[in-house]
Amino acid sequence: MSEQLKPPYLRKADERNAIQVWLVDGAYIRTRMDEEFTNFGQHYRFKYIPQNEFWIDSEADPDAIVRTNCTIAWPKRAGRELQGERPKRGHSPQLPFLPPS
């Protein structure tokens, strides 16, 4: 009998432009779902994440994520780039700072 997985959500941190930002249990994801899950992820890298969601490991440092220049605009930009459009130069809005829980 296969084990039923629990949802990894801990709390909704924010919502920007119809993208829900969730703090998730990264350790659970890495041990039960995908050992390749890093500090954050979105649908275009991890297909099990819904398209309108951005997941951040609850143990991750939000400032470190911002320093990596990760963006909420990825899904929109990735879609355009897949259709052959180039992103606008210098257009890279950053994730908002997420206060500690």
C-alpha atoms as a PDB file:
ATOM      1  CA  MET A   1       0.000   0.000   0.000  1.00  0.00           C
ATOM      2  CA  SER A   2       1.411   3.396  -0.974  1.00  0.00           C
ATOM      3  CA  GLU A   3       1.786   6.144   1.587  1.00  0.00           C
ATOM      4  CA  GLN A   4      -0.571   9.110   1.266  1.00  0.00           C
ATOM      5  CA  LEU A   5       1.358  12.382   1.143  1.00  0.00           C
ATOM      6  CA  LYS A   6       0.258  15.323   3.252  1.00  0.00           C
ATOM      7  CA  PRO A   7       0.184  18.803   1.706  1.00  0.00           C
ATOM      8  CA  PRO A   8       3.494  20.580   2.449  1.00  0.00           C
ATOM      9  CA  TYR A   9       1.897  23.996   3.067  1.00  0.00           C
ATOM     10  CA  LEU A  10       2.640  25.733   6.378  1.00  0.00           C
ATOM     11  CA  ARG A  11       1.175  29.179   5.737  1.00  0.00           C
ATOM     12  CA  LYS A  12       0.394  31.575   2.923  1.00  0.00           C
ATOM     13  CA  ALA A  13       3.004  34.333   3.037  1.00  0.00           C
ATOM     14  CA  ASP A  14       1.763  36.646   0.303  1.00  0.00           C
ATOM     15  CA  GLU A  15      -0.082  36.976  -2.979  1.00  0.00           C
ATOM     16  CA  ARG A  16       1.267  39.028  -5.870  1.00  0.00           C
ATOM     17  CA  ASN A  17      -0.286  39.327  -9.331  1.00  0.00           C
ATOM     18  CA  ALA A  18      -2.372  36.150  -8.812  1.00  0.00           C
ATOM     19  CA  ILE A  19       0.736  34.244  -7.677  1.00  0.00           C
ATOM     20  CA  GLN A  20       0.352  32.764  -4.195  1.00  0.00           C
ATOM     21  CA  VAL A  21       3.569  32.680  -2.166  1.00  0.00           C
ATOM     22  CA  TRP A  22       3.586  29.787   0.315  1.00  0.00           C
ATOM     23  CA  LEU A  23       5.963  28.836   3.087  1.00  0.00           C
ATOM     24  CA  VAL A  24       6.296  25.068   2.880  1.00  0.00           C
ATOM     25  CA  ASP A  25       7.901  22.249   4.829  1.00  0.00           C
ATOM     26  CA  GLY A  26      11.032  21.840   2.710  1.00  0.00           C
ATOM     27  CA  ALA A  27      12.406  18.949   4.760  1.00  0.00           C
ATOM     28  CA  TYR A  28       9.173  17.002   4.228  1.00  0.00           C
ATOM     29  CA  ILE A  29       9.259  17.719   0.487  1.00  0.00           C
ATOM     30  CA  ARG A  30      12.889  16.565   0.223  1.00  0.00           C
ATOM     31  CA  THR A  31      12.300  13.350   2.183  1.00  0.00           C
ATOM     32  CA  ARG A  32       8.857  12.374   0.826  1.00  0.00           C
ATOM     33  CA  MET A  33       8.336  14.041  -2.550  1.00  0.00           C
ATOM     34  CA  ASP A  34      11.513  15.269  -4.241  1.00  0.00           C
ATOM     35  CA  GLU A  35      15.060  15.259  -2.884  1.00  0.00           C
ATOM     36  CA  GLU A  36      15.988  17.899  -5.477  1.00  0.00           C
ATOM     37  CA  PHE A  37      13.684  20.586  -3.999  1.00  0.00           C
ATOM     38  CA  THR A  38      15.831  23.564  -2.979  1.00  0.00           C
ATOM     39  CA  ASN A  39      15.010  26.636  -0.859  1.00  0.00           C
ATOM     40  CA  PHE A  40      12.284  27.739  -3.249  1.00  0.00           C
ATOM     41  CA  GLY A  41      10.502  26.611  -6.374  1.00  0.00           C
ATOM     42  CA  GLN A  42       7.823  27.216  -8.942  1.00  0.00           C
ATOM     43  CA  HIS A  43       5.884  25.155 -11.510  1.00  0.00           C
ATOM     44  CA  TYR A  44       8.323  25.571 -14.396  1.00  0.00           C
ATOM     45  CA  ARG A  45      11.029  23.764 -12.419  1.00  0.00           C
ATOM     46  CA  PHE A  46       8.927  21.463 -10.213  1.00  0.00           C
ATOM     47  CA  LYS A  47       5.787  20.203 -11.983  1.00  0.00           C
ATOM     48  CA  TYR A  48       4.102  19.201  -8.699  1.00  0.00           C
ATOM     49  CA  ILE A  49       3.866  22.886  -7.683  1.00  0.00           C
ATOM     50  CA  PRO A  50       0.637  24.444  -9.028  1.00  0.00           C
ATOM     51  CA  GLN A  51       1.170  27.037 -11.767  1.00  0.00           C
ATOM     52  CA  ASN A  52      -0.090  29.951  -9.709  1.00  0.00           C
ATOM     53  CA  GLU A  53       2.093  29.189  -6.674  1.00  0.00           C
ATOM     54  CA  PHE A  54       5.624  29.964  -5.557  1.00  0.00           C
ATOM     55  CA  TRP A  55       6.961  27.802  -2.713  1.00  0.00           C
ATOM     56  CA  ILE A  56       9.598  28.891  -0.208  1.00  0.00           C
ATOM     57  CA  ASP A  57      11.122  26.478   2.293  1.00  0.00           C
ATOM     58  CA  SER A  58      10.150  27.727   5.758  1.00  0.00           C
ATOM     59  CA  GLU A  59      13.754  27.222   6.891  1.00  0.00           C
ATOM     60  CA  ALA A  60      15.166  29.338   4.051  1.00  0.00           C
ATOM     61  CA  ASP A  61      16.486  32.849   4.580  1.00  0.00           C
ATOM     62  CA  PRO A  62      14.163  35.165   2.576  1.00  0.00           C
ATOM     63  CA  ASP A  63      16.987  37.674   2.117  1.00  0.00           C
ATOM     64  CA  ALA A  64      19.138  34.951   0.541  1.00  0.00           C
ATOM     65  CA  ILE A  65      16.341  34.154  -1.896  1.00  0.00           C
ATOM     66  CA  VAL A  66      16.047  37.806  -2.879  1.00  0.00           C
ATOM     67  CA  ARG A  67      19.833  37.981  -3.320  1.00  0.00           C
ATOM     68  CA  THR A  68      19.623  35.157  -5.861  1.00  0.00           C
ATOM     69  CA  ASN A  69      17.411  37.521  -7.903  1.00  0.00           C
ATOM     70  CA  CYS A  70      14.514  35.079  -7.958  1.00  0.00           C
ATOM     71  CA  THR A  71      11.334  36.745  -9.167  1.00  0.00           C
ATOM     72  CA  ILE A  72       7.594  36.431  -8.945  1.00  0.00           C
ATOM     73  CA  ALA A  73       7.603  37.326 -12.646  1.00  0.00           C
ATOM     74  CA  TRP A  74       9.214  33.983 -13.598  1.00  0.00           C
ATOM     75  CA  PRO A  75       6.011  32.208 -14.629  1.00  0.00           C
ATOM     76  CA  LYS A  76       4.916  35.093 -16.845  1.00  0.00           C
ATOM     77  CA  ARG A  77       8.398  35.637 -18.269  1.00  0.00           C
ATOM     78  CA  ALA A  78       9.000  31.909 -18.753  1.00  0.00           C
ATOM     79  CA  GLY A  79       5.779  31.648 -20.741  1.00  0.00           C
ATOM     80  CA  ARG A  80       6.781  34.530 -23.015  1.00  0.00           C
ATOM     81  CA  GLU A  81      10.268  33.154 -23.478  1.00  0.00           C
ATOM     82  CA  LEU A  82       8.873  29.747 -24.400  1.00  0.00           C
ATOM     83  CA  GLN A  83       6.854  31.521 -27.078  1.00  0.00           C
ATOM     84  CA  GLY A  84      10.019  33.107 -28.474  1.00  0.00           C
ATOM     85  CA  GLU A  85       9.733  36.552 -26.859  1.00  0.00           C
ATOM     86  CA  ARG A  86      12.724  38.048 -25.111  1.00  0.00           C
ATOM     87  CA  PRO A  87      12.259  39.529 -21.636  1.00  0.00           C
ATOM     88  CA  LYS A  88      12.510  43.295 -21.311  1.00  0.00           C
ATOM     89  CA  ARG A  89      15.999  44.393 -20.420  1.00  0.00           C
ATOM     90  CA  GLY A  90      16.370  45.079 -16.709  1.00  0.00           C
ATOM     91  CA  HIS A  91      12.857  43.828 -15.922  1.00  0.00           C
ATOM     92  CA  SER A  92      13.225  41.669 -12.845  1.00  0.00           C
ATOM     93  CA  PRO A  93      10.930  42.574  -9.917  1.00  0.00           C
ATOM     94  CA  GLN A  94      12.113  40.827  -6.784  1.00  0.00           C
ATOM     95  CA  LEU A  95      10.176  38.870  -4.238  1.00  0.00           C
ATOM     96  CA  PRO A  96       8.952  40.935  -1.347  1.00  0.00           C
ATOM     97  CA  PHE A  97      10.788  40.566   1.926  1.00  0.00           C
ATOM     98  CA  LEU A  98       8.969  37.995   3.995  1.00  0.00           C
ATOM     99  CA  PRO A  99       8.993  38.747   7.721  1.00  0.00           C
ATOM    100  CA  PRO A 100       9.752  35.905  10.130  1.00  0.00           C
ATOM    101  CA  SER A 101       6.749  33.904  11.284  1.00  0.00           C
END
